[in-house]
PDB file of N, CA and C in Angstrom:
ATOM      1  N   MET A   1      -7.126  10.119 -20.464  1.00  0.00           N
ATOM      2  CA  MET A   1      -6.181  10.075 -20.240  1.00  0.00           C
ATOM      3  C   MET A   1      -5.674  10.156 -18.700  1.00  0.00           C
ATOM      4  N   SER A   2      -5.858   9.225 -17.663  1.00  0.00           N
ATOM      5  CA  SER A   2      -5.618   9.365 -16.480  1.00  0.00           C
ATOM      6  C   SER A   2      -4.347   9.367 -16.456  1.00  0.00           C
ATOM      7  N   GLU A   3      -3.834  10.512 -15.220  1.00  0.00           N
ATOM      8  CA  GLU A   3      -2.070  10.187 -14.512  1.00  0.00           C
ATOM      9  C   GLU A   3      -1.778   9.605 -13.708  1.00  0.00           C
ATOM     10  N   LYS A   4      -0.905   8.968 -14.094  1.00  0.00           N
ATOM     11  CA  LYS A   4      -0.127   7.637 -13.375  1.00  0.00           C
ATOM     12  C   LYS A   4       0.626   7.943 -12.182  1.00  0.00           C
ATOM     13  N   ALA A   5       1.060   7.283 -11.323  1.00  0.00           N
ATOM     14  CA  ALA A   5       1.742   7.485 -10.234  1.00  0.00           C
ATOM     15  C   ALA A   5       1.959   6.385  -9.552  1.00  0.00           C
ATOM     16  N   ARG A   6       3.344   6.658  -8.480  1.00  0.00           N
ATOM     17  CA  ARG A   6       3.632   5.598  -8.170  1.00  0.00           C
ATOM     18  C   ARG A   6       3.933   5.919  -6.581  1.00  0.00           C
ATOM     19  N   ALA A   7       4.099   5.216  -5.601  1.00  0.00           N
ATOM     20  CA  ALA A   7       4.346   5.900  -4.528  1.00  0.00           C
ATOM     21  C   ALA A   7       5.060   4.521  -3.887  1.00  0.00           C
ATOM     22  N   HIS A   8       5.778   5.328  -2.527  1.00  0.00           N
ATOM     23  CA  HIS A   8       7.013   3.965  -1.971  1.00  0.00           C
ATOM     24  C   HIS A   8       6.177   4.156  -0.504  1.00  0.00           C
ATOM     25  N   LEU A   9       5.658   3.368   0.145  1.00  0.00           N
ATOM     26  CA  LEU A   9       5.136   3.670   1.471  1.00  0.00           C
ATOM     27  C   LEU A   9       5.585   2.986   2.672  1.00  0.00           C
ATOM     28  N   ILE A  10       5.451   3.262   4.041  1.00  0.00           N
ATOM     29  CA  ILE A  10       6.340   2.723   5.006  1.00  0.00           C
ATOM     30  C   ILE A  10       4.962   2.783   5.863  1.00  0.00           C
ATOM     31  N   ILE A  11       4.417   1.927   6.699  1.00  0.00           N
ATOM     32  CA  ILE A  11       3.573   1.996   7.267  1.00  0.00           C
ATOM     33  C   ILE A  11       3.683   1.649   8.727  1.00  0.00           C
ATOM     34  N   THR A  12       3.159   2.738   9.968  1.00  0.00           N
ATOM     35  CA  THR A  12       3.884   2.035  11.496  1.00  0.00           C
ATOM     36  C   THR A  12       2.443   2.203  12.223  1.00  0.00           C
ATOM     37  N   GLY A  13       3.055   1.604  12.973  1.00  0.00           N
ATOM     38  CA  GLY A  13       1.981   1.279  14.524  1.00  0.00           C
ATOM     39  C   GLY A  13       2.072  -0.259  14.784  1.00  0.00           C
ATOM     40  N   LYS A  14       0.703  -0.591  14.969  1.00  0.00           N
ATOM     41  CA  LYS A  14       0.367  -2.082  14.944  1.00  0.00           C
ATOM     42  C   LYS A  14      -0.373  -2.441  14.127  1.00  0.00           C
ATOM     43  N   VAL A  15       0.806  -3.288  13.026  1.00  0.00           N
ATOM     44  CA  VAL A  15       0.391  -3.325  11.225  1.00  0.00           C
ATOM     45  C   VAL A  15       1.108  -5.252  11.105  1.00  0.00           C
ATOM     46  N   GLN A  16       1.417  -5.545  12.166  1.00  0.00           N
ATOM     47  CA  GLN A  16       1.776  -6.676  11.257  1.00  0.00           C
ATOM     48  C   GLN A  16       1.126  -8.019  12.648  1.00  0.00           C
ATOM     49  N   GLY A  17       0.392  -8.743  12.428  1.00  0.00           N
ATOM     50  CA  GLY A  17      -0.196  -9.814  12.871  1.00  0.00           C
ATOM     51  C   GLY A  17      -1.823  -9.291  12.959  1.00  0.00           C
ATOM     52  N   VAL A  18      -1.758  -8.408  12.491  1.00  0.00           N
ATOM     53  CA  VAL A  18      -3.184  -8.042  12.145  1.00  0.00           C
ATOM     54  C   VAL A  18      -4.124  -8.000  10.791  1.00  0.00           C
ATOM     55  N   PHE A  19      -3.639  -8.863   9.664  1.00  0.00           N
ATOM     56  CA  PHE A  19      -4.155  -9.077   8.895  1.00  0.00           C
ATOM     57  C   PHE A  19      -4.148  -7.782   7.590  1.00  0.00           C
ATOM     58  N   PHE A  20      -2.996  -7.117   8.328  1.00  0.00           N
ATOM     59  CA  PHE A  20      -3.146  -5.605   7.285  1.00  0.00           C
ATOM     60  C   PHE A  20      -2.326  -5.903   5.759  1.00  0.00           C
ATOM     61  N   ARG A  21      -1.404  -6.823   5.773  1.00  0.00           N
ATOM     62  CA  ARG A  21      -1.161  -7.126   4.555  1.00  0.00           C
ATOM     63  C   ARG A  21      -1.993  -7.631   3.215  1.00  0.00           C
ATOM     64  N   ALA A  22      -2.861  -8.693   3.673  1.00  0.00           N
ATOM     65  CA  ALA A  22      -4.091  -9.436   3.127  1.00  0.00           C
ATOM     66  C   ALA A  22      -4.851  -8.408   2.675  1.00  0.00           C
ATOM     67  N   GLU A  23      -5.755  -7.481   4.011  1.00  0.00           N
ATOM     68  CA  GLU A  23      -6.872  -6.693   3.266  1.00  0.00           C
ATOM     69  C   GLU A  23      -5.962  -5.475   2.840  1.00  0.00           C
ATOM     70  N   THR A  24      -4.543  -5.054   2.816  1.00  0.00           N
ATOM     71  CA  THR A  24      -3.849  -4.247   1.715  1.00  0.00           C
ATOM     72  C   THR A  24      -4.576  -4.449  -0.252  1.00  0.00           C
ATOM     73  N   CYS A  25      -3.722  -5.778  -0.211  1.00  0.00           N
ATOM     74  CA  CYS A  25      -4.382  -6.442  -1.105  1.00  0.00           C
ATOM     75  C   CYS A  25      -5.747  -6.183  -1.681  1.00  0.00           C
ATOM     76  N   ARG A  26      -6.543  -6.738  -0.767  1.00  0.00           N
ATOM     77  CA  ARG A  26      -8.233  -6.666  -0.948  1.00  0.00           C
ATOM     78  C   ARG A  26      -7.999  -4.932  -1.202  1.00  0.00           C
ATOM     79  N   ALA A  27      -8.370  -4.466  -0.759  1.00  0.00           N
ATOM     80  CA  ALA A  27      -7.994  -2.523  -0.951  1.00  0.00           C
ATOM     81  C   ALA A  27      -7.615  -2.484  -2.414  1.00  0.00           C
ATOM     82  N   ALA A  28      -6.278  -3.029  -2.695  1.00  0.00           N
ATOM     83  CA  ALA A  28      -5.775  -2.543  -3.895  1.00  0.00           C
ATOM     84  C   ALA A  28      -6.533  -3.220  -5.408  1.00  0.00           C
ATOM     85  N   GLU A  29      -7.207  -4.424  -5.114  1.00  0.00           N
ATOM     86  CA  GLU A  29      -7.780  -4.719  -6.021  1.00  0.00           C
ATOM     87  C   GLU A  29      -9.013  -4.351  -6.155  1.00  0.00           C
ATOM     88  N   ILE A  30      -9.861  -3.362  -4.961  1.00  0.00           N
ATOM     89  CA  ILE A  30     -10.872  -2.556  -4.984  1.00  0.00           C
ATOM     90  C   ILE A  30     -10.313  -1.419  -5.748  1.00  0.00           C
ATOM     91  N   TYR A  31      -9.036  -0.644  -5.243  1.00  0.00           N
ATOM     92  CA  TYR A  31      -8.708   0.638  -6.115  1.00  0.00           C
ATOM     93  C   TYR A  31      -8.397   0.046  -7.586  1.00  0.00           C
ATOM     94  N   GLY A  32      -8.083  -1.171  -8.033  1.00  0.00           N
ATOM     95  CA  GLY A  32      -7.402  -1.453  -9.413  1.00  0.00           C
ATOM     96  C   GLY A  32      -6.178  -0.944  -9.579  1.00  0.00           C
ATOM     97  N   VAL A  33      -5.033  -0.931  -7.818  1.00  0.00           N
ATOM     98  CA  VAL A  33      -3.978  -0.390  -8.394  1.00  0.00           C
ATOM     99  C   VAL A  33      -2.753  -1.679  -8.090  1.00  0.00           C
ATOM    100  N   THR A  34      -1.763  -1.874  -8.354  1.00  0.00           N
ATOM    101  CA  THR A  34      -0.202  -3.026  -8.725  1.00  0.00           C
ATOM    102  C   THR A  34       0.563  -2.493  -7.373  1.00  0.00           C
ATOM    103  N   GLY A  35       1.484  -3.622  -7.602  1.00  0.00           N
ATOM    104  CA  GLY A  35       2.562  -3.583  -6.389  1.00  0.00           C
ATOM    105  C   GLY A  35       2.169  -4.383  -5.838  1.00  0.00           C
ATOM    106  N   TRP A  36       3.356  -4.380  -4.631  1.00  0.00           N
ATOM    107  CA  TRP A  36       3.546  -5.362  -3.175  1.00  0.00           C
ATOM    108  C   TRP A  36       3.713  -4.502  -1.961  1.00  0.00           C
ATOM    109  N   VAL A  37       3.189  -5.390  -1.100  1.00  0.00           N
ATOM    110  CA  VAL A  37       3.006  -5.203   0.359  1.00  0.00           C
ATOM    111  C   VAL A  37       3.808  -6.079   0.803  1.00  0.00           C
ATOM    112  N   ARG A  38       4.580  -5.582   2.549  1.00  0.00           N
ATOM    113  CA  ARG A  38       5.386  -6.898   3.259  1.00  0.00           C
ATOM    114  C   ARG A  38       5.451  -6.073   4.235  1.00  0.00           C
ATOM    115  N   ASN A  39       6.481  -7.193   5.146  1.00  0.00           N
ATOM    116  CA  ASN A  39       6.325  -6.943   6.938  1.00  0.00           C
ATOM    117  C   ASN A  39       7.787  -6.598   6.776  1.00  0.00           C
ATOM    118  N   LEU A  40       8.284  -5.745   7.331  1.00  0.00           N
ATOM    119  CA  LEU A  40       9.341  -5.326   7.451  1.00  0.00           C
ATOM    120  C   LEU A  40      10.386  -5.861   8.805  1.00  0.00           C
ATOM    121  N   PRO A  41      11.018  -6.243   9.264  1.00  0.00           N
ATOM    122  CA  PRO A  41      11.784  -6.504  10.443  1.00  0.00           C
ATOM    123  C   PRO A  41      11.638  -5.710  11.942  1.00  0.00           C
ATOM    124  N   ASP A  42      11.384  -4.041  11.503  1.00  0.00           N
ATOM    125  CA  ASP A  42      10.952  -3.412  12.848  1.00  0.00           C
ATOM    126  C   ASP A  42       9.758  -3.347  12.996  1.00  0.00           C
ATOM    127  N   LYS A  43       8.807  -4.362  12.540  1.00  0.00           N
ATOM    128  CA  LYS A  43       7.265  -4.005  13.108  1.00  0.00           C
ATOM    129  C   LYS A  43       6.560  -3.638  11.730  1.00  0.00           C
ATOM    130  N   SER A  44       7.150  -2.631  11.070  1.00  0.00           N
ATOM    131  CA  SER A  44       6.681  -1.605   9.895  1.00  0.00           C
ATOM    132  C   SER A  44       5.999  -2.652   8.670  1.00  0.00           C
ATOM    133  N   VAL A  45       5.275  -1.864   7.982  1.00  0.00           N
ATOM    134  CA  VAL A  45       4.617  -3.029   6.661  1.00  0.00           C
ATOM    135  C   VAL A  45       4.978  -1.702   5.868  1.00  0.00           C
ATOM    136  N   GLU A  46       5.419  -2.187   4.884  1.00  0.00           N
ATOM    137  CA  GLU A  46       6.286  -1.492   3.630  1.00  0.00           C
ATOM    138  C   GLU A  46       5.379  -1.809   2.267  1.00  0.00           C
ATOM    139  N   ALA A  47       5.378  -1.046   1.666  1.00  0.00           N
ATOM    140  CA  ALA A  47       4.070  -1.218   0.193  1.00  0.00           C
ATOM    141  C   ALA A  47       4.821  -0.274  -1.179  1.00  0.00           C
ATOM    142  N   VAL A  48       4.789  -0.726  -2.262  1.00  0.00           N
ATOM    143  CA  VAL A  48       4.827   0.042  -3.197  1.00  0.00           C
ATOM    144  C   VAL A  48       4.012  -0.045  -4.134  1.00  0.00           C
ATOM    145  N   VAL A  49       3.423   0.961  -4.713  1.00  0.00           N
ATOM    146  CA  VAL A  49       1.869   1.041  -5.469  1.00  0.00           C
ATOM    147  C   VAL A  49       2.174   1.942  -6.910  1.00  0.00           C
ATOM    148  N   GLU A  50       1.440   1.088  -7.716  1.00  0.00           N
ATOM    149  CA  GLU A  50       1.310   2.321  -9.274  1.00  0.00           C
ATOM    150  C   GLU A  50      -0.159   1.846  -9.791  1.00  0.00           C
ATOM    151  N   GLY A  51      -0.323   2.891 -10.349  1.00  0.00           N
ATOM    152  CA  GLY A  51      -1.593   3.099 -10.925  1.00  0.00           C
ATOM    153  C   GLY A  51      -1.988   4.308 -11.117  1.00  0.00           C
ATOM    154  N   ASP A  52      -3.567   4.372 -11.611  1.00  0.00           N
ATOM    155  CA  ASP A  52      -4.067   5.698 -11.492  1.00  0.00           C
ATOM    156  C   ASP A  52      -4.024   6.982 -10.276  1.00  0.00           C
ATOM    157  N   ALA A  53      -3.266   7.938 -10.461  1.00  0.00           N
ATOM    158  CA  ALA A  53      -3.162   8.696  -9.292  1.00  0.00           C
ATOM    159  C   ALA A  53      -4.379   8.747  -8.510  1.00  0.00           C
ATOM    160  N   GLU A  54      -5.391   8.931  -8.777  1.00  0.00           N
ATOM    161  CA  GLU A  54      -6.594   8.812  -7.870  1.00  0.00           C
ATOM    162  C   GLU A  54      -6.234   7.783  -7.080  1.00  0.00           C
ATOM    163  N   ASP A  55      -6.698   6.428  -7.509  1.00  0.00           N
ATOM    164  CA  ASP A  55      -6.842   5.317  -6.726  1.00  0.00           C
ATOM    165  C   ASP A  55      -5.087   4.649  -6.050  1.00  0.00           C
ATOM    166  N   VAL A  56      -3.906   6.043  -6.612  1.00  0.00           N
ATOM    167  CA  VAL A  56      -2.619   5.276  -5.665  1.00  0.00           C
ATOM    168  C   VAL A  56      -3.350   6.375  -4.248  1.00  0.00           C
ATOM    169  N   GLN A  57      -3.674   7.745  -4.029  1.00  0.00           N
ATOM    170  CA  GLN A  57      -3.986   8.110  -3.452  1.00  0.00           C
ATOM    171  C   GLN A  57      -5.248   7.773  -2.330  1.00  0.00           C
ATOM    172  N   SER A  58      -6.019   6.746  -2.933  1.00  0.00           N
ATOM    173  CA  SER A  58      -7.264   6.091  -2.302  1.00  0.00           C
ATOM    174  C   SER A  58      -6.726   5.240  -1.223  1.00  0.00           C
ATOM    175  N   LEU A  59      -5.437   4.403  -1.945  1.00  0.00           N
ATOM    176  CA  LEU A  59      -4.835   3.171  -1.381  1.00  0.00           C
ATOM    177  C   LEU A  59      -4.118   4.000  -0.170  1.00  0.00           C
ATOM    178  N   ILE A  60      -3.877   4.914  -0.632  1.00  0.00           N
ATOM    179  CA  ILE A  60      -2.540   5.778   0.706  1.00  0.00           C
ATOM    180  C   ILE A  60      -3.528   6.219   1.954  1.00  0.00           C
ATOM    181  N   ASN A  61      -4.894   6.967   1.593  1.00  0.00           N
ATOM    182  CA  ASN A  61      -5.716   7.275   2.279  1.00  0.00           C
ATOM    183  C   ASN A  61      -6.205   5.681   3.064  1.00  0.00           C
ATOM    184  N   TRP A  62      -6.541   4.894   2.370  1.00  0.00           N
ATOM    185  CA  TRP A  62      -7.086   3.848   3.032  1.00  0.00           C
ATOM    186  C   TRP A  62      -6.051   2.941   4.186  1.00  0.00           C
ATOM    187  N   CYS A  63      -4.687   2.839   3.633  1.00  0.00           N
ATOM    188  CA  CYS A  63      -3.601   2.569   4.716  1.00  0.00           C
ATOM    189  C   CYS A  63      -3.404   3.461   5.973  1.00  0.00           C
ATOM    190  N   TRP A  64      -3.990   4.751   6.571  1.00  0.00           N
ATOM    191  CA  TRP A  64      -4.162   5.281   7.261  1.00  0.00           C
ATOM    192  C   TRP A  64      -5.237   4.712   8.043  1.00  0.00           C
ATOM    193  N   LYS A  65      -6.651   4.119   7.755  1.00  0.00           N
ATOM    194  CA  LYS A  65      -7.184   3.078   8.572  1.00  0.00           C
ATOM    195  C   LYS A  65      -6.931   1.900   8.626  1.00  0.00           C
ATOM    196  N   GLY A  66      -6.377   0.998   7.711  1.00  0.00           N
ATOM    197  CA  GLY A  66      -5.869  -0.457   7.596  1.00  0.00           C
ATOM    198  C   GLY A  66      -6.984  -1.054   7.629  1.00  0.00           C
ATOM    199  N   SER A  67      -6.363  -2.532   8.202  1.00  0.00           N
ATOM    200  CA  SER A  67      -7.343  -3.560   8.682  1.00  0.00           C
ATOM    201  C   SER A  67      -8.342  -3.271   9.957  1.00  0.00           C
ATOM    202  N   PRO A  68      -9.106  -4.245  10.340  1.00  0.00           N
ATOM    203  CA  PRO A  68     -10.202  -3.902  11.355  1.00  0.00           C
ATOM    204  C   PRO A  68      -9.270  -4.088  12.627  1.00  0.00           C
ATOM    205  N   HIS A  69      -7.972  -4.662  12.685  1.00  0.00           N
ATOM    206  CA  HIS A  69      -7.673  -4.511  13.864  1.00  0.00           C
ATOM    207  C   HIS A  69      -6.023  -3.518  14.098  1.00  0.00           C
ATOM    208  N   SER A  70      -5.751  -3.527  13.261  1.00  0.00           N
ATOM    209  CA  SER A  70      -4.368  -2.320  13.115  1.00  0.00           C
ATOM    210  C   SER A  70      -4.955  -1.173  13.806  1.00  0.00           C
ATOM    211  N   VAL A  71      -3.703  -0.486  14.315  1.00  0.00           N
ATOM    212  CA  VAL A  71      -3.599   0.808  14.937  1.00  0.00           C
ATOM    213  C   VAL A  71      -2.831   1.439  13.641  1.00  0.00           C
ATOM    214  N   VAL A  72      -2.444   2.353  13.024  1.00  0.00           N
ATOM    215  CA  VAL A  72      -2.155   3.094  12.159  1.00  0.00           C
ATOM    216  C   VAL A  72      -1.932   4.529  12.714  1.00  0.00           C
ATOM    217  N   ASP A  73      -0.151   4.698  13.439  1.00  0.00           N
ATOM    218  CA  ASP A  73       0.568   5.560  13.667  1.00  0.00           C
ATOM    219  C   ASP A  73       0.743   6.915  12.345  1.00  0.00           C
ATOM    220  N   GLU A  74       1.724   6.077  11.229  1.00  0.00           N
ATOM    221  CA  GLU A  74       2.026   7.016  10.757  1.00  0.00           C
ATOM    222  C   GLU A  74       2.222   6.379   9.243  1.00  0.00           C
ATOM    223  N   VAL A  75       1.358   7.295   8.227  1.00  0.00           N
ATOM    224  CA  VAL A  75       1.997   6.392   6.846  1.00  0.00           C
ATOM    225  C   VAL A  75       2.797   7.495   6.100  1.00  0.00           C
ATOM    226  N   GLN A  76       4.074   7.159   5.769  1.00  0.00           N
ATOM    227  CA  GLN A  76       5.103   8.065   5.152  1.00  0.00           C
ATOM    228  C   GLN A  76       4.993   7.469   3.372  1.00  0.00           C
ATOM    229  N   VAL A  77       4.968   8.494   2.867  1.00  0.00           N
ATOM    230  CA  VAL A  77       4.666   8.419   1.260  1.00  0.00           C
ATOM    231  C   VAL A  77       5.454   8.945   1.143  1.00  0.00           C
ATOM    232  N   ARG A  78       6.482   8.295  -0.258  1.00  0.00           N
ATOM    233  CA  ARG A  78       7.613   8.747  -1.148  1.00  0.00           C
ATOM    234  C   ARG A  78       7.024   8.771  -2.624  1.00  0.00           C
ATOM    235  N   HIS A  79       6.676   9.800  -3.103  1.00  0.00           N
ATOM    236  CA  HIS A  79       6.260   9.622  -4.384  1.00  0.00           C
ATOM    237  C   HIS A  79       7.279   9.342  -5.579  1.00  0.00           C
ATOM    238  N   GLN A  80       6.967   8.394  -6.600  1.00  0.00           N
ATOM    239  CA  GLN A  80       8.082   8.058  -7.134  1.00  0.00           C
ATOM    240  C   GLN A  80       7.463   8.001  -8.929  1.00  0.00           C
ATOM    241  N   ASP A  81       8.741   8.142  -9.878  1.00  0.00           N
ATOM    242  CA  ASP A  81       8.106   8.059 -11.043  1.00  0.00           C
ATOM    243  C   ASP A  81       7.600   6.992 -11.266  1.00  0.00           C
ATOM    244  N   TYR A  82       6.318   7.160 -12.230  1.00  0.00           N
ATOM    245  CA  TYR A  82       5.787   5.760 -12.431  1.00  0.00           C
ATOM    246  C   TYR A  82       6.522   4.781 -13.437  1.00  0.00           C
ATOM    247  N   GLN A  83       6.795   3.781 -12.960  1.00  0.00           N
ATOM    248  CA  GLN A  83       7.169   2.639 -13.994  1.00  0.00           C
ATOM    249  C   GLN A  83       6.624   1.694 -14.931  1.00  0.00           C
ATOM    250  N   GLY A  84       5.107   1.258 -14.054  1.00  0.00           N
ATOM    251  CA  GLY A  84       4.272   0.471 -15.081  1.00  0.00           C
ATOM    252  C   GLY A  84       4.998  -1.443 -14.932  1.00  0.00           C
ATOM    253  N   GLU A  85       5.469  -1.194 -13.552  1.00  0.00           N
ATOM    254  CA  GLU A  85       6.272  -2.935 -13.835  1.00  0.00           C
ATOM    255  C   GLU A  85       5.286  -4.064 -13.354  1.00  0.00           C
ATOM    256  N   PHE A  86       4.373  -3.738 -12.579  1.00  0.00           N
ATOM    257  CA  PHE A  86       3.385  -4.526 -12.268  1.00  0.00           C
ATOM    258  C   PHE A  86       2.318  -4.959 -13.116  1.00  0.00           C
ATOM    259  N   ASP A  87       2.207  -6.283 -12.578  1.00  0.00           N
ATOM    260  CA  ASP A  87       0.731  -6.748 -13.121  1.00  0.00           C
ATOM    261  C   ASP A  87      -0.496  -7.028 -12.303  1.00  0.00           C
ATOM    262  N   GLY A  88      -0.045  -7.280 -11.191  1.00  0.00           N
ATOM    263  CA  GLY A  88      -0.746  -7.032  -9.881  1.00  0.00           C
ATOM    264  C   GLY A  88      -0.371  -6.744  -8.858  1.00  0.00           C
ATOM    265  N   PHE A  89      -1.093  -6.854  -7.656  1.00  0.00           N
ATOM    266  CA  PHE A  89      -0.612  -6.711  -6.328  1.00  0.00           C
ATOM    267  C   PHE A  89      -0.514  -8.268  -5.577  1.00  0.00           C
ATOM    268  N   ARG A  90       0.725  -8.122  -4.703  1.00  0.00           N
ATOM    269  CA  ARG A  90       0.695  -9.471  -4.125  1.00  0.00           C
ATOM    270  C   ARG A  90       1.559  -9.309  -2.760  1.00  0.00           C
ATOM    271  N   ILE A  91       1.515 -10.105  -1.862  1.00  0.00           N
ATOM    272  CA  ILE A  91       2.626  -9.708  -0.880  1.00  0.00           C
ATOM    273  C   ILE A  91       3.699 -10.646  -1.199  1.00  0.00           C
ATOM    274  N   ALA A  92       4.360  -9.779  -0.796  1.00  0.00           N
ATOM    275  CA  ALA A  92       5.954 -10.294  -0.833  1.00  0.00           C
ATOM    276  C   ALA A  92       6.608 -10.728   0.645  1.00  0.00           C
ATOM    277  N   TYR A  93       7.463 -11.116   0.284  1.00  0.00           N
ATOM    278  CA  TYR A  93       8.476 -11.573   1.366  1.00  0.00           C
ATOM    279  C   TYR A  93       9.596 -11.753   1.609  1.00  0.00           C
TER     280      TYR A  93
END
């Protein structure tokens, strides 16, 4: 059985208005992780991701690249205890 993981992410740079959230949802589907992503008032993007540890790390790695028109300056990662609270991945408002 794979180790489960949860990560809280803050992504900064040119990440709003460039389809970052929609592309994050697509990437989450590809990697099979659950959670949510949302814009923050300071122009950064926040996400909480859960799943197999390797898949969570793959999404974190993807966030460093982001959507085609984004420019990612930093991805802050805070690992948390896995809770298994999500049944999919969505954009939160």
